[in-house]
Amino acid sequence: MSNDFQSGSRSSYRAKRKKTNLILNGLIVIVLALIFFVAYTIFLSGDDKAAPKEEQTKIAANESSEKGDKNTEDKTPVEENEKDSDSEESADEESEEASAPEQVDESQAVITEGDGSSNVLRTIENPAWKPVGTVQTGEHAPVYDSSSVDWQEMLKAISYATGLEQSNMTVYWLGRDKSSGNGTFSTVASKDKTQKYNVYLQWVDGEGWKPTKVEELSAIQ
């Protein structure tokens, strides 16, 4: 009887142990399956997220390249236009410099103060004055017509000698200087009449009108 009891106990113990091993093995398999599933899910999700980033990077790079090409295409005409504009401005400046008389050396001016017996405050004569240039050719005869080229060249010489801009100049008289053969005499003033002058010009063949004397006035008579 004792042997039968021991034999039954062993069989029962083995059965329980076997059952326990099956349960443990089953749990291990389930845990491994869960680990594999989670790892696979994470890996697959990572690939899906990485793909759009790569596509976005490629798209951004393509857009940047296209913008760069457009900027290059647009930039060239602008630079050419700027160069053309600079060339035109430079040509205009050279033309103005060529037509404008040289800067007067005031240090050579001879100034004589007025004696108080007339409205002449002082007389200025400067050997540094030069002819202002001319577009006229052939034999010259003074033309005192405000629409003539000669008149405009006289005004240029008067402005040169007095420093008055033509836009700020009122001409009271412009005509032949009776004291000389081919000279011109003029009386001008600034628009506000704070600067008043008599200006004497002399014609130089091929070179235009040259100032010879300027009288600064106290009043216009």
N, C-alpha and C. Protein backbone atom coordinates (compact mmCIF):
# COMPACT_ATOMS: atom_id res chain seq x y z
N MET A 1 0.82 -1.20 0.00
CA MET A 1 0.00 0.00 0.00
C MET A 1 0.85 1.23 0.00
N SER A 2 1.92 1.22 0.75
CA SER A 2 2.86 2.34 0.81
C SER A 2 3.50 2.57 -0.54
N ASN A 3 3.80 1.52 -1.26
CA ASN A 3 4.43 1.67 -2.59
C ASN A 3 3.47 2.31 -3.57
N ASP A 4 2.19 1.89 -3.48
CA ASP A 4 1.20 2.49 -4.39
C ASP A 4 1.04 3.99 -4.12
N PHE A 5 1.12 4.37 -2.85
CA PHE A 5 0.96 5.80 -2.50
C PHE A 5 2.13 6.62 -3.02
N GLN A 6 3.32 6.08 -2.85
CA GLN A 6 4.51 6.80 -3.33
C GLN A 6 4.50 6.91 -4.84
N SER A 7 4.06 5.84 -5.51
CA SER A 7 4.02 5.86 -6.96
C SER A 7 3.01 6.90 -7.45
N GLY A 8 1.89 7.00 -6.74
CA GLY A 8 0.88 7.99 -7.14
C GLY A 8 1.37 9.40 -6.89
N SER A 9 2.09 9.57 -5.79
CA SER A 9 2.61 10.92 -5.48
C SER A 9 3.61 11.36 -6.53
N ARG A 10 4.44 10.45 -6.98
CA ARG A 10 5.44 10.82 -7.99
C ARG A 10 4.77 11.18 -9.30
N SER A 11 3.77 10.37 -9.64
CA SER A 11 3.07 10.64 -10.90
C SER A 11 2.38 12.00 -10.86
N SER A 12 1.80 12.28 -9.71
CA SER A 12 1.11 13.57 -9.56
C SER A 12 2.11 14.72 -9.60
N TYR A 13 3.28 14.56 -8.99
CA TYR A 13 4.31 15.60 -8.97
C TYR A 13 4.83 15.86 -10.37
N ARG A 14 5.04 14.77 -11.13
CA ARG A 14 5.55 14.90 -12.49
C ARG A 14 4.54 15.61 -13.38
N ALA A 15 3.28 15.23 -13.13
CA ALA A 15 2.24 15.86 -13.95
C ALA A 15 2.17 17.35 -13.67
N LYS A 16 2.23 17.70 -12.40
CA LYS A 16 2.20 19.13 -12.05
C LYS A 16 3.42 19.87 -12.61
N ARG A 17 4.58 19.24 -12.52
CA ARG A 17 5.81 19.88 -13.02
C ARG A 17 5.73 20.08 -14.53
N LYS A 18 5.21 19.06 -15.22
CA LYS A 18 5.08 19.14 -16.66
C LYS A 18 4.14 20.27 -17.06
N LYS A 19 3.02 20.34 -16.29
CA LYS A 19 2.04 21.38 -16.55
C LYS A 19 2.63 22.77 -16.33
N THR A 20 3.42 22.84 -15.22
CA THR A 20 4.07 24.13 -14.92
C THR A 20 5.04 24.53 -16.02
N ASN A 21 5.82 23.56 -16.52
CA ASN A 21 6.78 23.84 -17.59
C ASN A 21 6.08 24.29 -18.86
N LEU A 22 4.93 23.67 -19.15
CA LEU A 22 4.17 24.06 -20.33
C LEU A 22 3.67 25.50 -20.22
N ILE A 23 3.19 25.81 -19.00
CA ILE A 23 2.69 27.18 -18.79
C ILE A 23 3.83 28.19 -18.94
N LEU A 24 4.98 27.88 -18.34
CA LEU A 24 6.13 28.80 -18.42
C LEU A 24 6.59 28.95 -19.87
N ASN A 25 6.67 27.82 -20.56
CA ASN A 25 7.09 27.87 -21.96
C ASN A 25 6.12 28.71 -22.80
N GLY A 26 4.84 28.50 -22.49
CA GLY A 26 3.82 29.27 -23.21
C GLY A 26 3.96 30.77 -22.95
N LEU A 27 4.20 31.11 -21.68
CA LEU A 27 4.38 32.52 -21.33
C LEU A 27 5.60 33.11 -22.02
N ILE A 28 6.68 32.32 -22.06
CA ILE A 28 7.91 32.79 -22.71
C ILE A 28 7.65 33.06 -24.19
N VAL A 29 6.93 32.13 -24.84
CA VAL A 29 6.61 32.30 -26.26
C VAL A 29 5.78 33.57 -26.49
N ILE A 30 4.78 33.78 -25.58
CA ILE A 30 3.92 34.97 -25.71
C ILE A 30 4.74 36.25 -25.55
N VAL A 31 5.64 36.25 -24.53
CA VAL A 31 6.48 37.44 -24.29
C VAL A 31 7.38 37.71 -25.49
N LEU A 32 7.97 36.64 -26.03
CA LEU A 32 8.84 36.81 -27.19
C LEU A 32 8.04 37.34 -28.39
N ALA A 33 6.82 36.79 -28.53
CA ALA A 33 5.98 37.25 -29.64
C ALA A 33 5.64 38.73 -29.48
N LEU A 34 5.33 39.16 -28.26
CA LEU A 34 5.02 40.57 -28.00
C LEU A 34 6.24 41.45 -28.29
N ILE A 35 7.41 41.01 -27.83
CA ILE A 35 8.63 41.77 -28.06
C ILE A 35 8.89 41.92 -29.57
N PHE A 36 8.71 40.83 -30.30
CA PHE A 36 8.94 40.86 -31.74
C PHE A 36 7.94 41.80 -32.42
N PHE A 37 6.68 41.71 -31.98
CA PHE A 37 5.63 42.54 -32.57
C PHE A 37 5.90 44.04 -32.32
N VAL A 38 6.27 44.34 -31.06
CA VAL A 38 6.55 45.74 -30.73
C VAL A 38 7.76 46.26 -31.52
N ALA A 39 8.81 45.44 -31.59
CA ALA A 39 10.01 45.84 -32.33
C ALA A 39 9.70 46.04 -33.81
N TYR A 40 8.90 45.13 -34.36
CA TYR A 40 8.54 45.25 -35.78
C TYR A 40 7.71 46.50 -36.05
N THR A 41 6.78 46.75 -35.10
CA THR A 41 5.93 47.94 -35.25
C THR A 41 6.76 49.23 -35.20
N ILE A 42 7.68 49.26 -34.24
CA ILE A 42 8.53 50.46 -34.12
C ILE A 42 9.39 50.63 -35.35
N PHE A 43 9.97 49.57 -35.84
CA PHE A 43 10.84 49.64 -37.02
C PHE A 43 10.06 50.09 -38.25
N LEU A 44 8.88 49.47 -38.43
CA LEU A 44 8.05 49.82 -39.58
C LEU A 44 7.60 51.28 -39.51
N SER A 45 7.22 51.72 -38.32
CA SER A 45 6.79 53.12 -38.13
C SER A 45 7.94 54.07 -38.41
N GLY A 46 9.15 53.72 -38.00
CA GLY A 46 10.32 54.56 -38.24
C GLY A 46 10.60 54.72 -39.71
N ASP A 47 10.44 53.66 -40.51
CA ASP A 47 10.66 53.74 -41.95
C ASP A 47 9.63 54.64 -42.61
N ASP A 48 8.36 54.51 -42.14
CA ASP A 48 7.29 55.33 -42.72
C ASP A 48 7.53 56.81 -42.47
N LYS A 49 8.04 57.14 -41.25
CA LYS A 49 8.30 58.54 -40.91
C LYS A 49 9.53 59.06 -41.64
N ALA A 50 10.50 58.18 -41.86
CA ALA A 50 11.73 58.62 -42.49
C ALA A 50 11.51 58.91 -43.97
N ALA A 51 10.63 58.13 -44.59
CA ALA A 51 10.41 58.30 -46.02
C ALA A 51 9.90 59.69 -46.38
N PRO A 52 8.84 60.20 -45.69
CA PRO A 52 8.39 61.57 -46.02
C PRO A 52 9.45 62.61 -45.79
N LYS A 53 10.27 62.42 -44.74
CA LYS A 53 11.33 63.40 -44.49
C LYS A 53 12.29 63.44 -45.65
N GLU A 54 12.63 62.24 -46.17
CA GLU A 54 13.55 62.21 -47.30
C GLU A 54 12.91 62.88 -48.51
N GLU A 55 11.59 62.58 -48.72
CA GLU A 55 10.90 63.19 -49.85
C GLU A 55 10.84 64.70 -49.70
N GLN A 56 10.52 65.16 -48.44
CA GLN A 56 10.46 66.60 -48.19
C GLN A 56 11.81 67.25 -48.43
N THR A 57 12.88 66.54 -48.01
CA THR A 57 14.22 67.08 -48.22
C THR A 57 14.53 67.22 -49.70
N LYS A 58 14.14 66.19 -50.47
CA LYS A 58 14.38 66.24 -51.91
C LYS A 58 13.57 67.36 -52.56
N ILE A 59 12.29 67.48 -52.13
CA ILE A 59 11.43 68.53 -52.68
C ILE A 59 12.01 69.90 -52.38
N ALA A 60 12.43 70.10 -51.09
CA ALA A 60 13.01 71.39 -50.70
C ALA A 60 14.26 71.70 -51.49
N ALA A 61 15.08 70.65 -51.72
CA ALA A 61 16.31 70.85 -52.48
C ALA A 61 15.99 71.24 -53.93
N ASN A 62 14.97 70.55 -54.51
CA ASN A 62 14.58 70.88 -55.89
C ASN A 62 14.06 72.30 -56.00
N GLU A 63 13.19 72.70 -55.00
CA GLU A 63 12.64 74.07 -55.01
C GLU A 63 13.76 75.10 -54.89
N SER A 64 14.73 74.80 -53.99
CA SER A 64 15.84 75.73 -53.81
C SER A 64 16.65 75.86 -55.09
N SER A 65 16.84 74.70 -55.80
CA SER A 65 17.59 74.73 -57.05
C SER A 65 16.86 75.53 -58.10
N GLU A 66 15.52 75.34 -58.16
CA GLU A 66 14.72 76.09 -59.14
C GLU A 66 14.77 77.58 -58.86
N LYS A 67 14.65 77.95 -57.55
CA LYS A 67 14.73 79.36 -57.18
C LYS A 67 16.09 79.94 -57.53
N GLY A 68 17.14 79.10 -57.31
CA GLY A 68 18.48 79.58 -57.63
C GLY A 68 18.62 79.84 -59.12
N ASP A 69 18.03 78.93 -59.95
CA ASP A 69 18.08 79.12 -61.39
C ASP A 69 17.33 80.37 -61.80
N LYS A 70 16.12 80.59 -61.18
CA LYS A 70 15.33 81.77 -61.51
C LYS A 70 16.06 83.04 -61.11
N ASN A 71 16.68 82.99 -59.92
CA ASN A 71 17.42 84.18 -59.47
C ASN A 71 18.56 84.50 -60.41
N THR A 72 19.22 83.43 -60.89
CA THR A 72 20.33 83.63 -61.82
C THR A 72 19.84 84.22 -63.13
N GLU A 73 18.69 83.68 -63.61
CA GLU A 73 18.14 84.19 -64.86
C GLU A 73 17.69 85.62 -64.73
N ASP A 74 17.05 85.95 -63.56
CA ASP A 74 16.53 87.30 -63.36
C ASP A 74 17.64 88.30 -63.10
N LYS A 75 18.73 87.81 -62.50
CA LYS A 75 19.77 88.72 -62.06
C LYS A 75 20.56 89.30 -63.22
N THR A 76 20.77 88.48 -64.26
CA THR A 76 21.61 88.92 -65.37
C THR A 76 21.07 90.15 -66.08
N PRO A 77 19.74 90.16 -66.46
CA PRO A 77 19.23 91.37 -67.12
C PRO A 77 19.31 92.60 -66.25
N VAL A 78 19.07 92.43 -64.93
CA VAL A 78 19.12 93.58 -64.02
C VAL A 78 20.52 94.16 -64.00
N GLU A 79 21.52 93.27 -63.91
CA GLU A 79 22.90 93.75 -63.89
C GLU A 79 23.24 94.45 -65.21
N GLU A 80 22.75 93.91 -66.32
CA GLU A 80 23.02 94.52 -67.61
C GLU A 80 22.35 95.89 -67.70
N ASN A 81 21.10 95.96 -67.17
CA ASN A 81 20.40 97.24 -67.18
C ASN A 81 21.13 98.27 -66.35
N GLU A 82 21.62 97.81 -65.16
CA GLU A 82 22.35 98.72 -64.29
C GLU A 82 23.62 99.20 -64.99
N LYS A 83 24.30 98.29 -65.71
CA LYS A 83 25.51 98.68 -66.41
C LYS A 83 25.19 99.69 -67.50
N ASP A 84 24.08 99.42 -68.24
CA ASP A 84 23.67 100.35 -69.29
C ASP A 84 23.35 101.71 -68.71
N SER A 85 22.63 101.70 -67.54
CA SER A 85 22.26 102.97 -66.90
C SER A 85 23.50 103.72 -66.45
N ASP A 86 24.45 102.96 -65.86
CA ASP A 86 25.70 103.60 -65.41
C ASP A 86 26.46 104.19 -66.59
N SER A 87 26.46 103.46 -67.73
CA SER A 87 27.17 103.95 -68.91
C SER A 87 26.53 105.23 -69.43
N GLU A 88 25.17 105.26 -69.43
CA GLU A 88 24.48 106.46 -69.90
C GLU A 88 24.77 107.65 -69.00
N GLU A 89 24.70 107.40 -67.66
CA GLU A 89 24.99 108.49 -66.72
C GLU A 89 26.41 108.98 -66.88
N SER A 90 27.36 108.04 -67.06
CA SER A 90 28.75 108.43 -67.24
C SER A 90 28.93 109.25 -68.51
N ALA A 91 28.22 108.84 -69.60
CA ALA A 91 28.31 109.58 -70.85
C ALA A 91 27.74 110.98 -70.69
N ASP A 92 26.60 111.08 -69.95
CA ASP A 92 26.00 112.40 -69.72
C ASP A 92 26.93 113.30 -68.93
N GLU A 93 27.55 112.71 -67.87
CA GLU A 93 28.47 113.50 -67.05
C GLU A 93 29.66 113.98 -67.87
N GLU A 94 30.20 113.08 -68.73
CA GLU A 94 31.34 113.47 -69.56
C GLU A 94 30.95 114.57 -70.53
N SER A 95 29.70 114.47 -71.07
CA SER A 95 29.23 115.50 -71.99
C SER A 95 29.10 116.84 -71.29
N GLU A 96 28.54 116.82 -70.05
CA GLU A 96 28.40 118.07 -69.29
C GLU A 96 29.76 118.66 -68.95
N GLU A 97 30.70 117.77 -68.56
CA GLU A 97 32.03 118.26 -68.21
C GLU A 97 32.72 118.87 -69.43
N ALA A 98 32.50 118.25 -70.61
CA ALA A 98 33.14 118.75 -71.82
C ALA A 98 32.59 120.12 -72.23
N SER A 99 31.26 120.32 -72.00
CA SER A 99 30.65 121.57 -72.42
C SER A 99 30.80 122.67 -71.38
N ALA A 100 31.06 122.30 -70.11
CA ALA A 100 31.18 123.30 -69.06
C ALA A 100 32.59 123.90 -69.04
N PRO A 101 32.70 125.21 -68.78
CA PRO A 101 34.04 125.82 -68.69
C PRO A 101 34.77 125.33 -67.46
N GLU A 102 36.08 125.46 -67.51
CA GLU A 102 36.89 125.00 -66.38
C GLU A 102 36.65 125.88 -65.15
N GLN A 103 36.96 125.31 -63.99
CA GLN A 103 36.80 126.04 -62.75
C GLN A 103 37.70 127.28 -62.76
N VAL A 104 37.11 128.40 -62.32
CA VAL A 104 37.86 129.65 -62.32
C VAL A 104 38.82 129.70 -61.13
N ASP A 105 40.05 130.13 -61.39
CA ASP A 105 41.03 130.33 -60.32
C ASP A 105 40.83 131.73 -59.76
N GLU A 106 40.11 131.82 -58.65
CA GLU A 106 39.78 133.12 -58.07
C GLU A 106 41.00 133.85 -57.52
N SER A 107 42.07 133.11 -57.28
CA SER A 107 43.26 133.74 -56.70
C SER A 107 43.91 134.74 -57.66
N GLN A 108 43.59 134.60 -58.97
CA GLN A 108 44.19 135.50 -59.95
C GLN A 108 43.35 136.76 -60.20
N ALA A 109 42.18 136.82 -59.55
CA ALA A 109 41.28 137.94 -59.79
C ALA A 109 41.87 139.26 -59.28
N VAL A 110 41.68 140.31 -60.07
CA VAL A 110 42.10 141.66 -59.68
C VAL A 110 40.83 142.43 -59.32
N ILE A 111 40.71 142.85 -58.07
CA ILE A 111 39.49 143.50 -57.58
C ILE A 111 39.79 144.97 -57.27
N THR A 112 38.97 145.81 -57.83
CA THR A 112 39.11 147.26 -57.60
C THR A 112 37.84 147.76 -56.92
N GLU A 113 38.01 148.34 -55.75
CA GLU A 113 36.85 148.85 -55.01
C GLU A 113 36.30 150.10 -55.67
N GLY A 114 34.97 150.27 -55.58
CA GLY A 114 34.33 151.44 -56.16
C GLY A 114 34.69 152.71 -55.39
N ASP A 115 34.59 153.85 -56.08
CA ASP A 115 34.97 155.12 -55.44
C ASP A 115 33.79 155.82 -54.78
N GLY A 116 32.60 155.21 -54.83
CA GLY A 116 31.44 155.81 -54.19
C GLY A 116 30.70 156.80 -55.04
N SER A 117 31.22 157.12 -56.23
CA SER A 117 30.57 158.10 -57.10
C SER A 117 29.52 157.46 -58.02
N SER A 118 29.43 156.13 -58.01
CA SER A 118 28.46 155.41 -58.84
C SER A 118 27.89 154.24 -58.05
N ASN A 119 27.06 153.46 -58.69
CA ASN A 119 26.48 152.29 -58.01
C ASN A 119 27.37 151.06 -58.13
N VAL A 120 28.59 151.22 -58.63
CA VAL A 120 29.54 150.11 -58.73
C VAL A 120 30.28 149.96 -57.40
N LEU A 121 30.02 148.82 -56.75
CA LEU A 121 30.69 148.56 -55.47
C LEU A 121 32.14 148.14 -55.67
N ARG A 122 32.37 147.31 -56.65
CA ARG A 122 33.73 146.87 -56.96
C ARG A 122 33.77 146.29 -58.36
N THR A 123 34.93 146.28 -58.94
CA THR A 123 35.14 145.75 -60.30
C THR A 123 36.07 144.55 -60.21
N ILE A 124 35.72 143.49 -60.91
CA ILE A 124 36.50 142.24 -60.88
C ILE A 124 36.98 141.92 -62.29
N GLU A 125 38.27 141.73 -62.44
CA GLU A 125 38.86 141.29 -63.70
C GLU A 125 39.77 140.10 -63.40
N ASN A 126 39.56 139.01 -64.11
CA ASN A 126 40.29 137.78 -63.81
C ASN A 126 40.91 137.21 -65.09
N PRO A 127 42.24 137.21 -65.19
CA PRO A 127 42.90 136.65 -66.39
C PRO A 127 42.69 135.14 -66.53
N ALA A 128 42.16 134.50 -65.48
CA ALA A 128 41.93 133.06 -65.55
C ALA A 128 40.63 132.72 -66.28
N TRP A 129 39.79 133.73 -66.52
CA TRP A 129 38.57 133.47 -67.28
C TRP A 129 38.91 133.01 -68.69
N LYS A 130 38.11 132.04 -69.17
CA LYS A 130 38.33 131.50 -70.51
C LYS A 130 37.03 131.53 -71.30
N PRO A 131 37.11 131.43 -72.63
CA PRO A 131 35.88 131.34 -73.43
C PRO A 131 35.07 130.10 -73.02
N VAL A 132 33.75 130.21 -73.06
CA VAL A 132 32.90 129.12 -72.58
C VAL A 132 32.61 128.08 -73.65
N GLY A 133 33.15 128.26 -74.85
CA GLY A 133 32.91 127.30 -75.92
C GLY A 133 31.73 127.70 -76.78
N THR A 134 31.68 127.16 -77.98
CA THR A 134 30.59 127.51 -78.92
C THR A 134 30.35 126.38 -79.90
N VAL A 135 29.12 126.31 -80.39
CA VAL A 135 28.78 125.37 -81.45
C VAL A 135 28.69 126.09 -82.79
N GLN A 136 28.91 127.42 -82.77
CA GLN A 136 28.81 128.23 -83.98
C GLN A 136 30.10 128.14 -84.80
N THR A 137 29.93 128.16 -86.11
CA THR A 137 31.08 128.11 -87.01
C THR A 137 30.98 129.26 -88.03
N GLY A 138 32.09 129.54 -88.67
CA GLY A 138 32.11 130.58 -89.68
C GLY A 138 32.25 131.96 -89.07
N GLU A 139 32.05 132.97 -89.90
CA GLU A 139 32.17 134.35 -89.43
C GLU A 139 31.07 134.67 -88.42
N HIS A 140 31.45 135.30 -87.33
CA HIS A 140 30.49 135.54 -86.25
C HIS A 140 30.06 136.99 -86.18
N ALA A 141 28.75 137.18 -85.95
CA ALA A 141 28.18 138.50 -85.69
C ALA A 141 27.21 138.33 -84.53
N PRO A 142 27.33 139.12 -83.46
CA PRO A 142 26.45 138.96 -82.30
C PRO A 142 24.97 139.03 -82.67
N VAL A 143 24.19 138.12 -82.09
CA VAL A 143 22.75 138.08 -82.32
C VAL A 143 22.06 138.24 -80.97
N TYR A 144 21.36 139.38 -80.79
CA TYR A 144 20.72 139.65 -79.50
C TYR A 144 19.23 139.29 -79.57
N ASP A 145 19.00 138.01 -79.77
CA ASP A 145 17.65 137.46 -79.82
C ASP A 145 17.60 136.31 -78.81
N SER A 146 16.63 136.37 -77.89
CA SER A 146 16.59 135.39 -76.79
C SER A 146 16.38 133.95 -77.26
N SER A 147 15.96 133.76 -78.50
CA SER A 147 15.76 132.41 -79.02
C SER A 147 16.98 131.89 -79.79
N SER A 148 18.02 132.73 -79.89
CA SER A 148 19.19 132.35 -80.69
C SER A 148 20.21 131.56 -79.87
N VAL A 149 21.05 130.82 -80.58
CA VAL A 149 22.15 130.09 -79.95
C VAL A 149 23.14 131.07 -79.34
N ASP A 150 23.38 132.17 -80.02
CA ASP A 150 24.33 133.17 -79.54
C ASP A 150 23.91 133.72 -78.18
N TRP A 151 22.62 134.00 -78.05
CA TRP A 151 22.09 134.52 -76.78
C TRP A 151 22.32 133.52 -75.64
N GLN A 152 22.04 132.25 -75.90
CA GLN A 152 22.22 131.21 -74.88
C GLN A 152 23.68 131.07 -74.48
N GLU A 153 24.57 131.23 -75.43
CA GLU A 153 25.99 131.15 -75.12
C GLU A 153 26.46 132.37 -74.33
N MET A 154 25.85 133.53 -74.59
CA MET A 154 26.15 134.72 -73.77
C MET A 154 25.72 134.50 -72.33
N LEU A 155 24.51 133.98 -72.15
CA LEU A 155 24.02 133.70 -70.78
C LEU A 155 24.94 132.72 -70.06
N LYS A 156 25.44 131.74 -70.80
CA LYS A 156 26.37 130.76 -70.22
C LYS A 156 27.64 131.45 -69.72
N ALA A 157 28.15 132.39 -70.51
CA ALA A 157 29.36 133.11 -70.12
C ALA A 157 29.09 134.03 -68.93
N ILE A 158 27.91 134.66 -68.88
CA ILE A 158 27.55 135.52 -67.75
C ILE A 158 27.44 134.70 -66.47
N SER A 159 26.80 133.54 -66.56
CA SER A 159 26.68 132.64 -65.41
C SER A 159 28.06 132.18 -64.93
N TYR A 160 28.94 131.90 -65.88
CA TYR A 160 30.30 131.47 -65.57
C TYR A 160 31.08 132.54 -64.80
N ALA A 161 30.91 133.80 -65.21
CA ALA A 161 31.67 134.89 -64.59
C ALA A 161 31.11 135.30 -63.23
N THR A 162 29.78 135.26 -63.10
CA THR A 162 29.15 135.75 -61.85
C THR A 162 28.87 134.66 -60.84
N GLY A 163 28.76 133.43 -61.30
CA GLY A 163 28.40 132.33 -60.40
C GLY A 163 26.90 132.17 -60.24
N LEU A 164 26.11 132.99 -60.94
CA LEU A 164 24.65 132.89 -60.88
C LEU A 164 24.17 131.77 -61.80
N GLU A 165 23.29 130.91 -61.28
CA GLU A 165 22.67 129.91 -62.14
C GLU A 165 21.71 130.62 -63.09
N GLN A 166 21.61 130.13 -64.33
CA GLN A 166 20.72 130.76 -65.29
C GLN A 166 19.27 130.72 -64.84
N SER A 167 18.90 129.67 -64.08
CA SER A 167 17.53 129.57 -63.57
C SER A 167 17.26 130.60 -62.47
N ASN A 168 18.33 131.18 -61.92
CA ASN A 168 18.19 132.18 -60.85
C ASN A 168 18.66 133.55 -61.35
N MET A 169 18.52 133.79 -62.65
CA MET A 169 19.05 135.02 -63.23
C MET A 169 17.95 135.82 -63.94
N THR A 170 17.90 137.10 -63.63
CA THR A 170 17.04 138.03 -64.37
C THR A 170 17.92 138.93 -65.23
N VAL A 171 17.65 138.97 -66.53
CA VAL A 171 18.44 139.78 -67.45
C VAL A 171 17.73 141.12 -67.66
N TYR A 172 18.36 142.21 -67.24
CA TYR A 172 17.78 143.54 -67.42
C TYR A 172 18.24 144.16 -68.74
N TRP A 173 19.44 143.80 -69.16
CA TRP A 173 19.95 144.31 -70.42
C TRP A 173 21.01 143.38 -70.97
N LEU A 174 20.93 143.14 -72.27
CA LEU A 174 21.96 142.35 -72.94
C LEU A 174 22.06 142.87 -74.37
N GLY A 175 23.18 143.52 -74.67
CA GLY A 175 23.33 144.13 -75.99
C GLY A 175 24.78 144.44 -76.30
N ARG A 176 24.96 145.19 -77.36
CA ARG A 176 26.33 145.49 -77.81
C ARG A 176 27.02 146.46 -76.86
N ASP A 177 28.30 146.16 -76.62
CA ASP A 177 29.13 147.04 -75.81
C ASP A 177 29.69 148.12 -76.73
N LYS A 178 29.20 149.34 -76.59
CA LYS A 178 29.60 150.42 -77.49
C LYS A 178 31.07 150.83 -77.33
N SER A 179 31.64 150.42 -76.22
CA SER A 179 33.04 150.77 -75.99
C SER A 179 34.01 149.83 -76.71
N SER A 180 33.51 148.75 -77.28
CA SER A 180 34.40 147.80 -77.98
C SER A 180 33.75 147.39 -79.30
N GLY A 181 34.56 146.85 -80.19
CA GLY A 181 34.05 146.51 -81.51
C GLY A 181 33.10 145.33 -81.54
N ASN A 182 33.49 144.23 -80.91
CA ASN A 182 32.68 143.02 -80.96
C ASN A 182 32.32 142.52 -79.56
N GLY A 183 32.28 143.42 -78.61
CA GLY A 183 31.98 143.04 -77.24
C GLY A 183 30.50 143.13 -76.92
N THR A 184 30.13 142.58 -75.76
CA THR A 184 28.74 142.57 -75.29
C THR A 184 28.70 143.08 -73.86
N PHE A 185 27.66 143.83 -73.56
CA PHE A 185 27.47 144.37 -72.21
C PHE A 185 26.11 143.88 -71.69
N SER A 186 26.07 143.49 -70.41
CA SER A 186 24.80 143.02 -69.84
C SER A 186 24.67 143.47 -68.39
N THR A 187 23.42 143.61 -67.97
CA THR A 187 23.11 143.87 -66.56
C THR A 187 22.17 142.77 -66.10
N VAL A 188 22.58 142.04 -65.05
CA VAL A 188 21.79 140.91 -64.56
C VAL A 188 21.72 140.96 -63.04
N ALA A 189 20.79 140.19 -62.49
CA ALA A 189 20.66 140.10 -61.04
C ALA A 189 20.05 138.75 -60.68
N SER A 190 20.25 138.35 -59.43
CA SER A 190 19.59 137.15 -58.94
C SER A 190 18.10 137.42 -58.78
N LYS A 191 17.30 136.37 -58.70
CA LYS A 191 15.86 136.53 -58.61
C LYS A 191 15.46 137.37 -57.39
N ASP A 192 16.20 137.23 -56.29
CA ASP A 192 15.86 138.01 -55.09
C ASP A 192 16.56 139.37 -55.06
N LYS A 193 17.32 139.68 -56.11
CA LYS A 193 18.00 140.97 -56.29
C LYS A 193 19.07 141.26 -55.22
N THR A 194 19.55 140.22 -54.58
CA THR A 194 20.63 140.42 -53.61
C THR A 194 21.99 140.46 -54.31
N GLN A 195 22.06 139.93 -55.52
CA GLN A 195 23.29 139.96 -56.31
C GLN A 195 23.00 140.64 -57.64
N LYS A 196 23.75 141.72 -57.92
CA LYS A 196 23.52 142.53 -59.13
C LYS A 196 24.85 142.81 -59.82
N TYR A 197 24.88 142.63 -61.14
CA TYR A 197 26.16 142.75 -61.86
C TYR A 197 25.99 143.40 -63.23
N ASN A 198 27.06 144.10 -63.63
CA ASN A 198 27.30 144.41 -65.03
C ASN A 198 28.37 143.43 -65.51
N VAL A 199 28.13 142.81 -66.65
CA VAL A 199 29.10 141.82 -67.15
C VAL A 199 29.50 142.20 -68.58
N TYR A 200 30.81 142.18 -68.82
CA TYR A 200 31.37 142.52 -70.14
C TYR A 200 31.93 141.24 -70.76
N LEU A 201 31.54 140.96 -72.01
CA LEU A 201 32.00 139.76 -72.71
C LEU A 201 32.72 140.14 -74.00
N GLN A 202 33.64 139.29 -74.40
CA GLN A 202 34.37 139.50 -75.66
C GLN A 202 34.32 138.20 -76.47
N TRP A 203 34.07 138.29 -77.76
CA TRP A 203 34.01 137.09 -78.61
C TRP A 203 35.40 136.65 -79.01
N VAL A 204 35.66 135.32 -78.90
CA VAL A 204 36.91 134.73 -79.35
C VAL A 204 36.57 133.73 -80.45
N ASP A 205 37.07 133.96 -81.64
CA ASP A 205 36.73 133.10 -82.78
C ASP A 205 37.02 131.63 -82.50
N GLY A 206 36.02 130.82 -82.77
CA GLY A 206 36.16 129.37 -82.59
C GLY A 206 36.08 128.89 -81.15
N GLU A 207 36.05 129.83 -80.18
CA GLU A 207 36.05 129.44 -78.77
C GLU A 207 34.86 129.99 -77.99
N GLY A 208 34.18 130.99 -78.53
CA GLY A 208 32.98 131.49 -77.87
C GLY A 208 33.21 132.74 -77.05
N TRP A 209 32.21 133.06 -76.22
CA TRP A 209 32.24 134.28 -75.42
C TRP A 209 33.11 134.12 -74.17
N LYS A 210 33.92 135.16 -73.92
CA LYS A 210 34.82 135.15 -72.78
C LYS A 210 34.54 136.38 -71.90
N PRO A 211 34.33 136.18 -70.60
CA PRO A 211 34.14 137.33 -69.70
C PRO A 211 35.44 138.13 -69.59
N THR A 212 35.31 139.45 -69.61
CA THR A 212 36.50 140.31 -69.45
C THR A 212 36.43 141.17 -68.19
N LYS A 213 35.20 141.49 -67.76
CA LYS A 213 35.06 142.34 -66.57
C LYS A 213 33.68 142.15 -65.95
N VAL A 214 33.64 142.16 -64.61
CA VAL A 214 32.37 142.09 -63.88
C VAL A 214 32.34 143.23 -62.88
N GLU A 215 31.23 143.96 -62.88
CA GLU A 215 31.04 145.03 -61.91
C GLU A 215 29.92 144.63 -60.95
N GLU A 216 30.24 144.59 -59.67
CA GLU A 216 29.24 144.29 -58.66
C GLU A 216 28.51 145.59 -58.29
N LEU A 217 27.17 145.55 -58.37
CA LEU A 217 26.38 146.77 -58.23
C LEU A 217 25.65 146.85 -56.90
N SER A 218 25.41 148.08 -56.47
CA SER A 218 24.58 148.29 -55.28
C SER A 218 23.11 148.39 -55.64
N ALA A 219 22.82 148.75 -56.87
CA ALA A 219 21.44 148.87 -57.34
C ALA A 219 21.41 148.78 -58.85
N ILE A 220 20.22 148.44 -59.38
CA ILE A 220 20.02 148.41 -60.83
C ILE A 220 19.54 149.77 -61.27
N GLN A 221 20.20 150.40 -62.21
CA GLN A 221 19.79 151.72 -62.69
C GLN A 221 19.22 151.64 -64.11
